[in-house]
């Protein structure tokens, strides 16, 4: 989970101490950005049987960046974005933050 391209890379790390005294590392909650405020690179039309990773690869050059398209479209469920062929998806300018 320490991949610098992960959606969680900029999320603060924390430690929880369990009842047995063992420390458990975790990431704090990630708050979603407001998609309509993200800088727009362009739009991408959903094709028949298209997948979000394929759209991300075509638009951003990396299939693992599908989450940025989710963020730009205020989607909590990635599958909702490709359910309707012909839908135009917002493709944001890639956002990479420094890990904390």
PDB file of N, CA and C in Angstrom:
ATOM      1  N   UNK A   1       0.820  -1.187   0.000  1.00  0.00           N
ATOM      2  CA  UNK A   1       0.000   0.000   0.000  1.00  0.00           C
ATOM      3  C   UNK A   1       0.865   1.252   0.000  1.00  0.00           C
ATOM      4  N   UNK A   2       2.130   1.122  -0.111  1.00  0.00           N
ATOM      5  CA  UNK A   2       3.005   2.284  -0.153  1.00  0.00           C
ATOM      6  C   UNK A   2       3.333   2.724  -1.572  1.00  0.00           C
ATOM      7  N   UNK A   3       2.552   2.285  -2.537  1.00  0.00           N
ATOM      8  CA  UNK A   3       2.739   2.689  -3.918  1.00  0.00           C
ATOM      9  C   UNK A   3       2.481   4.191  -4.034  1.00  0.00           C
ATOM     10  N   UNK A   4       3.428   4.958  -4.565  1.00  0.00           N
ATOM     11  CA  UNK A   4       3.233   6.416  -4.647  1.00  0.00           C
ATOM     12  C   UNK A   4       2.082   6.825  -5.566  1.00  0.00           C
ATOM     13  N   UNK A   5       1.606   5.923  -6.431  1.00  0.00           N
ATOM     14  CA  UNK A   5       0.482   6.232  -7.312  1.00  0.00           C
ATOM     15  C   UNK A   5      -0.862   5.822  -6.718  1.00  0.00           C
ATOM     16  N   UNK A   6      -0.842   5.267  -5.507  1.00  0.00           N
ATOM     17  CA  UNK A   6      -2.064   4.827  -4.854  1.00  0.00           C
ATOM     18  C   UNK A   6      -2.907   6.015  -4.430  1.00  0.00           C
ATOM     19  N   UNK A   7      -4.212   5.834  -4.431  1.00  0.00           N
ATOM     20  CA  UNK A   7      -5.103   6.898  -3.958  1.00  0.00           C
ATOM     21  C   UNK A   7      -4.898   7.189  -2.476  1.00  0.00           C
ATOM     22  N   UNK A   8      -4.250   6.275  -1.772  1.00  0.00           N
ATOM     23  CA  UNK A   8      -4.031   6.439  -0.335  1.00  0.00           C
ATOM     24  C   UNK A   8      -2.627   6.934   0.009  1.00  0.00           C
ATOM     25  N   UNK A   9      -1.797   7.176  -0.987  1.00  0.00           N
ATOM     26  CA  UNK A   9      -0.404   7.550  -0.709  1.00  0.00           C
ATOM     27  C   UNK A   9      -0.277   8.850   0.089  1.00  0.00           C
ATOM     28  N   UNK A  10      -1.192   9.763  -0.083  1.00  0.00           N
ATOM     29  CA  UNK A  10      -1.118  11.038   0.642  1.00  0.00           C
ATOM     30  C   UNK A  10      -1.908  11.008   1.952  1.00  0.00           C
ATOM     31  N   UNK A  11      -2.519   9.861   2.238  1.00  0.00           N
ATOM     32  CA  UNK A  11      -3.310   9.730   3.455  1.00  0.00           C
ATOM     33  C   UNK A  11      -2.396   9.451   4.642  1.00  0.00           C
ATOM     34  N   UNK A  12      -2.649  10.136   5.724  1.00  0.00           N
ATOM     35  CA  UNK A  12      -1.814  10.020   6.917  1.00  0.00           C
ATOM     36  C   UNK A  12      -1.835   8.599   7.488  1.00  0.00           C
ATOM     37  N   UNK A  13      -0.674   8.158   7.938  1.00  0.00           N
ATOM     38  CA  UNK A  13      -0.560   6.863   8.612  1.00  0.00           C
ATOM     39  C   UNK A  13      -0.797   7.058  10.098  1.00  0.00           C
ATOM     40  N   UNK A  14      -1.332   6.017  10.737  1.00  0.00           N
ATOM     41  CA  UNK A  14      -1.584   6.077  12.181  1.00  0.00           C
ATOM     42  C   UNK A  14      -1.394   4.683  12.773  1.00  0.00           C
ATOM     43  N   UNK A  15      -1.341   4.627  14.085  1.00  0.00           N
ATOM     44  CA  UNK A  15      -1.182   3.358  14.811  1.00  0.00           C
ATOM     45  C   UNK A  15      -2.302   3.257  15.841  1.00  0.00           C
ATOM     46  N   UNK A  16      -2.956   2.126  15.844  1.00  0.00           N
ATOM     47  CA  UNK A  16      -3.971   1.824  16.849  1.00  0.00           C
ATOM     48  C   UNK A  16      -3.394   0.752  17.762  1.00  0.00           C
ATOM     49  N   UNK A  17      -3.546   0.925  19.040  1.00  0.00           N
ATOM     50  CA  UNK A  17      -3.094  -0.092  19.988  1.00  0.00           C
ATOM     51  C   UNK A  17      -4.310  -0.896  20.430  1.00  0.00           C
ATOM     52  N   UNK A  18      -4.294  -2.181  20.096  1.00  0.00           N
ATOM     53  CA  UNK A  18      -5.409  -3.060  20.417  1.00  0.00           C
ATOM     54  C   UNK A  18      -5.506  -3.354  21.904  1.00  0.00           C
ATOM     55  N   UNK A  19      -6.594  -4.002  22.314  1.00  0.00           N
ATOM     56  CA  UNK A  19      -6.793  -4.331  23.728  1.00  0.00           C
ATOM     57  C   UNK A  19      -5.687  -5.211  24.304  1.00  0.00           C
ATOM     58  N   UNK A  20      -5.040  -5.973  23.407  1.00  0.00           N
ATOM     59  CA  UNK A  20      -3.953  -6.843  23.859  1.00  0.00           C
ATOM     60  C   UNK A  20      -2.607  -6.129  23.872  1.00  0.00           C
ATOM     61  N   UNK A  21      -2.619  -4.820  23.527  1.00  0.00           N
ATOM     62  CA  UNK A  21      -1.391  -4.039  23.543  1.00  0.00           C
ATOM     63  C   UNK A  21      -0.604  -4.066  22.249  1.00  0.00           C
ATOM     64  N   UNK A  22      -1.055  -4.859  21.267  1.00  0.00           N
ATOM     65  CA  UNK A  22      -0.337  -4.919  19.983  1.00  0.00           C
ATOM     66  C   UNK A  22      -0.681  -3.718  19.118  1.00  0.00           C
ATOM     67  N   UNK A  23       0.336  -3.111  18.505  1.00  0.00           N
ATOM     68  CA  UNK A  23       0.069  -1.977  17.608  1.00  0.00           C
ATOM     69  C   UNK A  23      -0.404  -2.478  16.242  1.00  0.00           C
ATOM     70  N   UNK A  24      -1.354  -1.750  15.688  1.00  0.00           N
ATOM     71  CA  UNK A  24      -1.884  -2.062  14.353  1.00  0.00           C
ATOM     72  C   UNK A  24      -1.758  -0.797  13.511  1.00  0.00           C
ATOM     73  N   UNK A  25      -0.976  -0.881  12.438  1.00  0.00           N
ATOM     74  CA  UNK A  25      -0.805   0.275  11.545  1.00  0.00           C
ATOM     75  C   UNK A  25      -1.998   0.362  10.593  1.00  0.00           C
ATOM     76  N   UNK A  26      -2.418   1.583  10.297  1.00  0.00           N
ATOM     77  CA  UNK A  26      -3.504   1.792   9.340  1.00  0.00           C
ATOM     78  C   UNK A  26      -3.374   3.179   8.728  1.00  0.00           C
ATOM     79  N   UNK A  27      -4.154   3.420   7.698  1.00  0.00           N
ATOM     80  CA  UNK A  27      -4.226   4.752   7.080  1.00  0.00           C
ATOM     81  C   UNK A  27      -5.502   5.430   7.544  1.00  0.00           C
ATOM     82  N   UNK A  28      -5.404   6.717   7.789  1.00  0.00           N
ATOM     83  CA  UNK A  28      -6.596   7.466   8.181  1.00  0.00           C
ATOM     84  C   UNK A  28      -7.545   7.568   6.987  1.00  0.00           C
ATOM     85  N   UNK A  29      -8.726   8.027   7.247  1.00  0.00           N
ATOM     86  CA  UNK A  29      -9.764   8.131   6.225  1.00  0.00           C
ATOM     87  C   UNK A  29      -9.348   9.079   5.104  1.00  0.00           C
ATOM     88  N   UNK A  30      -9.674   8.695   3.895  1.00  0.00           N
ATOM     89  CA  UNK A  30      -9.430   9.530   2.717  1.00  0.00           C
ATOM     90  C   UNK A  30     -10.733  10.217   2.352  1.00  0.00           C
ATOM     91  N   UNK A  31     -10.716  11.541   2.341  1.00  0.00           N
ATOM     92  CA  UNK A  31     -11.899  12.294   1.955  1.00  0.00           C
ATOM     93  C   UNK A  31     -11.859  12.535   0.456  1.00  0.00           C
ATOM     94  N   UNK A  32     -12.991  12.331  -0.193  1.00  0.00           N
ATOM     95  CA  UNK A  32     -13.061  12.489  -1.641  1.00  0.00           C
ATOM     96  C   UNK A  32     -13.080  13.968  -2.021  1.00  0.00           C
ATOM     97  N   UNK A  33     -12.367  14.288  -3.104  1.00  0.00           N
ATOM     98  CA  UNK A  33     -12.413  15.672  -3.584  1.00  0.00           C
ATOM     99  C   UNK A  33     -13.756  15.948  -4.264  1.00  0.00           C
ATOM    100  N   UNK A  34     -14.052  17.193  -4.486  1.00  0.00           N
ATOM    101  CA  UNK A  34     -15.238  17.561  -5.255  1.00  0.00           C
ATOM    102  C   UNK A  34     -14.862  17.476  -6.728  1.00  0.00           C
ATOM    103  N   UNK A  35     -15.407  16.477  -7.400  1.00  0.00           N
ATOM    104  CA  UNK A  35     -15.032  16.186  -8.786  1.00  0.00           C
ATOM    105  C   UNK A  35     -15.186  17.354  -9.739  1.00  0.00           C
ATOM    106  N   UNK A  36     -16.242  18.135  -9.552  1.00  0.00           N
ATOM    107  CA  UNK A  36     -16.487  19.253 -10.459  1.00  0.00           C
ATOM    108  C   UNK A  36     -15.456  20.362 -10.312  1.00  0.00           C
ATOM    109  N   UNK A  37     -14.679  20.326  -9.239  1.00  0.00           N
ATOM    110  CA  UNK A  37     -13.635  21.339  -9.025  1.00  0.00           C
ATOM    111  C   UNK A  37     -12.258  20.872  -9.481  1.00  0.00           C
ATOM    112  N   UNK A  38     -12.152  19.605  -9.887  1.00  0.00           N
ATOM    113  CA  UNK A  38     -10.855  19.087 -10.332  1.00  0.00           C
ATOM    114  C   UNK A  38     -10.555  19.607 -11.737  1.00  0.00           C
ATOM    115  N   UNK A  39      -9.301  19.984 -12.017  1.00  0.00           N
ATOM    116  CA  UNK A  39      -8.953  20.441 -13.361  1.00  0.00           C
ATOM    117  C   UNK A  39      -9.215  19.328 -14.377  1.00  0.00           C
ATOM    118  N   UNK A  40      -9.830  19.691 -15.483  1.00  0.00           N
ATOM    119  CA  UNK A  40     -10.257  18.715 -16.489  1.00  0.00           C
ATOM    120  C   UNK A  40      -9.228  18.562 -17.601  1.00  0.00           C
ATOM    121  N   UNK A  41      -8.812  17.321 -17.843  1.00  0.00           N
ATOM    122  CA  UNK A  41      -7.935  16.999 -18.971  1.00  0.00           C
ATOM    123  C   UNK A  41      -8.772  16.836 -20.234  1.00  0.00           C
ATOM    124  N   UNK A  42      -9.937  16.224 -20.064  1.00  0.00           N
ATOM    125  CA  UNK A  42     -10.832  15.984 -21.189  1.00  0.00           C
ATOM    126  C   UNK A  42     -11.989  15.108 -20.764  1.00  0.00           C
ATOM    127  N   UNK A  43     -12.669  14.558 -21.759  1.00  0.00           N
ATOM    128  CA  UNK A  43     -13.766  13.640 -21.503  1.00  0.00           C
ATOM    129  C   UNK A  43     -13.520  12.367 -22.282  1.00  0.00           C
ATOM    130  N   UNK A  44     -14.083  11.279 -21.788  1.00  0.00           N
ATOM    131  CA  UNK A  44     -13.955   9.982 -22.456  1.00  0.00           C
ATOM    132  C   UNK A  44     -15.325   9.337 -22.520  1.00  0.00           C
ATOM    133  N   UNK A  45     -15.681   8.844 -23.685  1.00  0.00           N
ATOM    134  CA  UNK A  45     -16.960   8.163 -23.861  1.00  0.00           C
ATOM    135  C   UNK A  45     -16.807   6.690 -23.496  1.00  0.00           C
ATOM    136  N   UNK A  46     -17.792   6.173 -22.787  1.00  0.00           N
ATOM    137  CA  UNK A  46     -17.801   4.760 -22.405  1.00  0.00           C
ATOM    138  C   UNK A  46     -18.271   3.947 -23.601  1.00  0.00           C
ATOM    139  N   UNK A  47     -17.464   2.958 -23.997  1.00  0.00           N
ATOM    140  CA  UNK A  47     -17.835   2.068 -25.087  1.00  0.00           C
ATOM    141  C   UNK A  47     -18.597   0.857 -24.578  1.00  0.00           C
ATOM    142  N   UNK A  48     -19.164   0.099 -25.504  1.00  0.00           N
ATOM    143  CA  UNK A  48     -19.865  -1.128 -25.137  1.00  0.00           C
ATOM    144  C   UNK A  48     -18.860  -2.085 -24.506  1.00  0.00           C
ATOM    145  N   UNK A  49     -19.219  -2.644 -23.362  1.00  0.00           N
ATOM    146  CA  UNK A  49     -18.366  -3.586 -22.613  1.00  0.00           C
ATOM    147  C   UNK A  49     -17.030  -2.955 -22.203  1.00  0.00           C
ATOM    148  N   UNK A  50     -16.992  -1.629 -22.108  1.00  0.00           N
ATOM    149  CA  UNK A  50     -15.774  -0.936 -21.682  1.00  0.00           C
ATOM    150  C   UNK A  50     -15.597  -1.113 -20.181  1.00  0.00           C
ATOM    151  N   UNK A  51     -14.350  -1.090 -19.759  1.00  0.00           N
ATOM    152  CA  UNK A  51     -14.016  -1.151 -18.333  1.00  0.00           C
ATOM    153  C   UNK A  51     -13.276   0.118 -17.963  1.00  0.00           C
ATOM    154  N   UNK A  52     -13.389   0.493 -16.698  1.00  0.00           N
ATOM    155  CA  UNK A  52     -12.780   1.735 -16.244  1.00  0.00           C
ATOM    156  C   UNK A  52     -11.259   1.693 -16.321  1.00  0.00           C
ATOM    157  N   UNK A  53     -10.658   0.521 -16.098  1.00  0.00           N
ATOM    158  CA  UNK A  53      -9.203   0.430 -16.209  1.00  0.00           C
ATOM    159  C   UNK A  53      -8.744   0.654 -17.648  1.00  0.00           C
ATOM    160  N   UNK A  54      -9.540   0.210 -18.614  1.00  0.00           N
ATOM    161  CA  UNK A  54      -9.194   0.441 -20.029  1.00  0.00           C
ATOM    162  C   UNK A  54      -9.313   1.925 -20.383  1.00  0.00           C
ATOM    163  N   UNK A  55     -10.356   2.558 -19.873  1.00  0.00           N
ATOM    164  CA  UNK A  55     -10.539   3.996 -20.116  1.00  0.00           C
ATOM    165  C   UNK A  55      -9.384   4.773 -19.484  1.00  0.00           C
ATOM    166  N   UNK A  56      -9.006   4.415 -18.255  1.00  0.00           N
ATOM    167  CA  UNK A  56      -7.896   5.089 -17.577  1.00  0.00           C
ATOM    168  C   UNK A  56      -6.590   4.894 -18.333  1.00  0.00           C
ATOM    169  N   UNK A  57      -6.387   3.708 -18.868  1.00  0.00           N
ATOM    170  CA  UNK A  57      -5.167   3.450 -19.634  1.00  0.00           C
ATOM    171  C   UNK A  57      -5.123   4.312 -20.892  1.00  0.00           C
ATOM    172  N   UNK A  58      -6.261   4.393 -21.596  1.00  0.00           N
ATOM    173  CA  UNK A  58      -6.310   5.220 -22.818  1.00  0.00           C
ATOM    174  C   UNK A  58      -6.133   6.697 -22.498  1.00  0.00           C
ATOM    175  N   UNK A  59      -6.804   7.163 -21.445  1.00  0.00           N
ATOM    176  CA  UNK A  59      -6.825   8.597 -21.151  1.00  0.00           C
ATOM    177  C   UNK A  59      -5.636   9.075 -20.331  1.00  0.00           C
ATOM    178  N   UNK A  60      -5.171   8.233 -19.396  1.00  0.00           N
ATOM    179  CA  UNK A  60      -4.124   8.663 -18.468  1.00  0.00           C
ATOM    180  C   UNK A  60      -2.823   7.882 -18.627  1.00  0.00           C
ATOM    181  N   UNK A  61      -2.852   6.822 -19.447  1.00  0.00           N
ATOM    182  CA  UNK A  61      -1.647   6.036 -19.671  1.00  0.00           C
ATOM    183  C   UNK A  61      -1.338   5.043 -18.565  1.00  0.00           C
ATOM    184  N   UNK A  62      -2.278   4.822 -17.645  1.00  0.00           N
ATOM    185  CA  UNK A  62      -2.050   3.893 -16.537  1.00  0.00           C
ATOM    186  C   UNK A  62      -3.404   3.353 -16.069  1.00  0.00           C
ATOM    187  N   UNK A  63      -3.651   2.056 -16.226  1.00  0.00           N
ATOM    188  CA  UNK A  63      -4.941   1.506 -15.827  1.00  0.00           C
ATOM    189  C   UNK A  63      -5.198   1.582 -14.328  1.00  0.00           C
ATOM    190  N   UNK A  64      -4.143   1.671 -13.527  1.00  0.00           N
ATOM    191  CA  UNK A  64      -4.305   1.725 -12.077  1.00  0.00           C
ATOM    192  C   UNK A  64      -4.762   3.098 -11.584  1.00  0.00           C
ATOM    193  N   UNK A  65      -4.834   4.056 -12.487  1.00  0.00           N
ATOM    194  CA  UNK A  65      -5.287   5.403 -12.116  1.00  0.00           C
ATOM    195  C   UNK A  65      -6.788   5.595 -12.326  1.00  0.00           C
ATOM    196  N   UNK A  66      -7.524   4.485 -12.460  1.00  0.00           N
ATOM    197  CA  UNK A  66      -8.973   4.555 -12.642  1.00  0.00           C
ATOM    198  C   UNK A  66      -9.638   5.365 -11.535  1.00  0.00           C
ATOM    199  N   UNK A  67      -9.050   5.339 -10.348  1.00  0.00           N
ATOM    200  CA  UNK A  67      -9.632   6.025  -9.196  1.00  0.00           C
ATOM    201  C   UNK A  67      -9.687   7.533  -9.402  1.00  0.00           C
ATOM    202  N   UNK A  68      -8.781   8.070 -10.229  1.00  0.00           N
ATOM    203  CA  UNK A  68      -8.829   9.515 -10.482  1.00  0.00           C
ATOM    204  C   UNK A  68     -10.063   9.872 -11.310  1.00  0.00           C
ATOM    205  N   UNK A  69     -10.451   8.981 -12.217  1.00  0.00           N
ATOM    206  CA  UNK A  69     -11.678   9.195 -12.992  1.00  0.00           C
ATOM    207  C   UNK A  69     -12.887   9.075 -12.071  1.00  0.00           C
ATOM    208  N   UNK A  70     -12.835   8.133 -11.128  1.00  0.00           N
ATOM    209  CA  UNK A  70     -13.914   8.021 -10.129  1.00  0.00           C
ATOM    210  C   UNK A  70     -14.045   9.320  -9.352  1.00  0.00           C
ATOM    211  N   UNK A  71     -12.922   9.843  -8.881  1.00  0.00           N
ATOM    212  CA  UNK A  71     -12.943  11.090  -8.111  1.00  0.00           C
ATOM    213  C   UNK A  71     -13.541  12.234  -8.932  1.00  0.00           C
ATOM    214  N   UNK A  72     -13.136  12.351 -10.176  1.00  0.00           N
ATOM    215  CA  UNK A  72     -13.592  13.457 -11.020  1.00  0.00           C
ATOM    216  C   UNK A  72     -15.079  13.370 -11.329  1.00  0.00           C
ATOM    217  N   UNK A  73     -15.650  12.164 -11.210  1.00  0.00           N
ATOM    218  CA  UNK A  73     -17.066  11.962 -11.504  1.00  0.00           C
ATOM    219  C   UNK A  73     -17.891  11.711 -10.239  1.00  0.00           C
ATOM    220  N   UNK A  74     -17.296  11.981  -9.076  1.00  0.00           N
ATOM    221  CA  UNK A  74     -17.979  11.810  -7.789  1.00  0.00           C
ATOM    222  C   UNK A  74     -18.585  10.417  -7.638  1.00  0.00           C
ATOM    223  N   UNK A  75     -17.846   9.405  -8.070  1.00  0.00           N
ATOM    224  CA  UNK A  75     -18.350   8.032  -8.027  1.00  0.00           C
ATOM    225  C   UNK A  75     -17.735   7.257  -6.874  1.00  0.00           C
ATOM    226  N   UNK A  76     -18.581   6.667  -6.055  1.00  0.00           N
ATOM    227  CA  UNK A  76     -18.103   5.784  -5.003  1.00  0.00           C
ATOM    228  C   UNK A  76     -17.984   4.353  -5.523  1.00  0.00           C
ATOM    229  N   UNK A  77     -18.790   4.002  -6.511  1.00  0.00           N
ATOM    230  CA  UNK A  77     -18.753   2.673  -7.104  1.00  0.00           C
ATOM    231  C   UNK A  77     -18.242   2.783  -8.539  1.00  0.00           C
ATOM    232  N   UNK A  78     -17.025   2.298  -8.827  1.00  0.00           N
ATOM    233  CA  UNK A  78     -16.462   2.420 -10.177  1.00  0.00           C
ATOM    234  C   UNK A  78     -17.322   1.791 -11.266  1.00  0.00           C
ATOM    235  N   UNK A  79     -18.041   0.731 -10.923  1.00  0.00           N
ATOM    236  CA  UNK A  79     -18.848   0.032 -11.926  1.00  0.00           C
ATOM    237  C   UNK A  79     -20.020   0.884 -12.415  1.00  0.00           C
ATOM    238  N   UNK A  80     -20.481   1.821 -11.612  1.00  0.00           N
ATOM    239  CA  UNK A  80     -21.561   2.703 -12.032  1.00  0.00           C
ATOM    240  C   UNK A  80     -21.153   3.557 -13.233  1.00  0.00           C
ATOM    241  N   UNK A  81     -19.878   3.886 -13.327  1.00  0.00           N
ATOM    242  CA  UNK A  81     -19.417   4.778 -14.403  1.00  0.00           C
ATOM    243  C   UNK A  81     -19.463   4.135 -15.785  1.00  0.00           C
ATOM    244  N   UNK A  82     -19.363   2.825 -15.852  1.00  0.00           N
ATOM    245  CA  UNK A  82     -19.331   2.154 -17.163  1.00  0.00           C
ATOM    246  C   UNK A  82     -20.621   1.391 -17.460  1.00  0.00           C
ATOM    247  N   UNK A  83     -21.636   1.572 -16.645  1.00  0.00           N
ATOM    248  CA  UNK A  83     -22.897   0.850 -16.823  1.00  0.00           C
ATOM    249  C   UNK A  83     -23.674   1.304 -18.054  1.00  0.00           C
ATOM    250  N   UNK A  84     -23.440   2.533 -18.493  1.00  0.00           N
ATOM    251  CA  UNK A  84     -24.214   3.098 -19.607  1.00  0.00           C
ATOM    252  C   UNK A  84     -23.295   3.457 -20.778  1.00  0.00           C
ATOM    253  N   UNK A  85     -23.263   2.619 -21.844  1.00  0.00           N
ATOM    254  CA  UNK A  85     -22.434   2.961 -23.013  1.00  0.00           C
ATOM    255  C   UNK A  85     -22.830   4.328 -23.574  1.00  0.00           C
ATOM    256  N   UNK A  86     -21.821   5.077 -23.974  1.00  0.00           N
ATOM    257  CA  UNK A  86     -22.044   6.404 -24.526  1.00  0.00           C
ATOM    258  C   UNK A  86     -21.911   7.518 -23.494  1.00  0.00           C
ATOM    259  N   UNK A  87     -21.922   7.159 -22.231  1.00  0.00           N
ATOM    260  CA  UNK A  87     -21.785   8.172 -21.177  1.00  0.00           C
ATOM    261  C   UNK A  87     -20.431   8.866 -21.300  1.00  0.00           C
ATOM    262  N   UNK A  88     -20.417  10.174 -21.116  1.00  0.00           N
ATOM    263  CA  UNK A  88     -19.166  10.926 -21.117  1.00  0.00           C
ATOM    264  C   UNK A  88     -18.659  11.044 -19.686  1.00  0.00           C
ATOM    265  N   UNK A  89     -17.416  10.631 -19.488  1.00  0.00           N
ATOM    266  CA  UNK A  89     -16.785  10.701 -18.179  1.00  0.00           C
ATOM    267  C   UNK A  89     -15.779  11.843 -18.153  1.00  0.00           C
ATOM    268  N   UNK A  90     -15.748  12.541 -17.057  1.00  0.00           N
ATOM    269  CA  UNK A  90     -14.728  13.577 -16.844  1.00  0.00           C
ATOM    270  C   UNK A  90     -13.402  12.877 -16.582  1.00  0.00           C
ATOM    271  N   UNK A  91     -12.370  13.295 -17.280  1.00  0.00           N
ATOM    272  CA  UNK A  91     -11.020  12.774 -17.047  1.00  0.00           C
ATOM    273  C   UNK A  91     -10.196  13.937 -16.508  1.00  0.00           C
ATOM    274  N   UNK A  92      -9.728  13.822 -15.260  1.00  0.00           N
ATOM    275  CA  UNK A  92      -9.026  14.943 -14.648  1.00  0.00           C
ATOM    276  C   UNK A  92      -7.556  14.990 -15.057  1.00  0.00           C
ATOM    277  N   UNK A  93      -6.973  16.151 -14.884  1.00  0.00           N
ATOM    278  CA  UNK A  93      -5.520  16.254 -14.969  1.00  0.00           C
ATOM    279  C   UNK A  93      -4.994  15.380 -13.833  1.00  0.00           C
ATOM    280  N   UNK A  94      -4.055  14.478 -14.105  1.00  0.00           N
ATOM    281  CA  UNK A  94      -3.579  13.583 -13.037  1.00  0.00           C
ATOM    282  C   UNK A  94      -3.105  14.344 -11.815  1.00  0.00           C
ATOM    283  N   UNK A  95      -3.558  13.889 -10.658  1.00  0.00           N
ATOM    284  CA  UNK A  95      -3.227  14.504  -9.380  1.00  0.00           C
ATOM    285  C   UNK A  95      -2.342  13.544  -8.595  1.00  0.00           C
ATOM    286  N   UNK A  96      -1.133  13.933  -8.332  1.00  0.00           N
ATOM    287  CA  UNK A  96      -0.229  13.119  -7.535  1.00  0.00           C
ATOM    288  C   UNK A  96       0.235  13.973  -6.370  1.00  0.00           C
ATOM    289  N   UNK A  97       0.020  13.472  -5.170  1.00  0.00           N
ATOM    290  CA  UNK A  97       0.413  14.205  -3.971  1.00  0.00           C
ATOM    291  C   UNK A  97       1.605  13.508  -3.332  1.00  0.00           C
ATOM    292  N   UNK A  98       2.365  14.269  -2.588  1.00  0.00           N
ATOM    293  CA  UNK A  98       3.484  13.704  -1.851  1.00  0.00           C
ATOM    294  C   UNK A  98       2.952  12.889  -0.680  1.00  0.00           C
ATOM    295  N   UNK A  99       3.459  11.664  -0.474  1.00  0.00           N
ATOM    296  CA  UNK A  99       3.028  10.891   0.677  1.00  0.00           C
ATOM    297  C   UNK A  99       3.400  11.584   1.979  1.00  0.00           C
ATOM    298  N   UNK A 100       2.581  11.370   3.003  1.00  0.00           N
ATOM    299  CA  UNK A 100       2.842  11.969   4.323  1.00  0.00           C
ATOM    300  C   UNK A 100       3.695  11.042   5.142  1.00  0.00           C
TER     301      UNK A 100
END
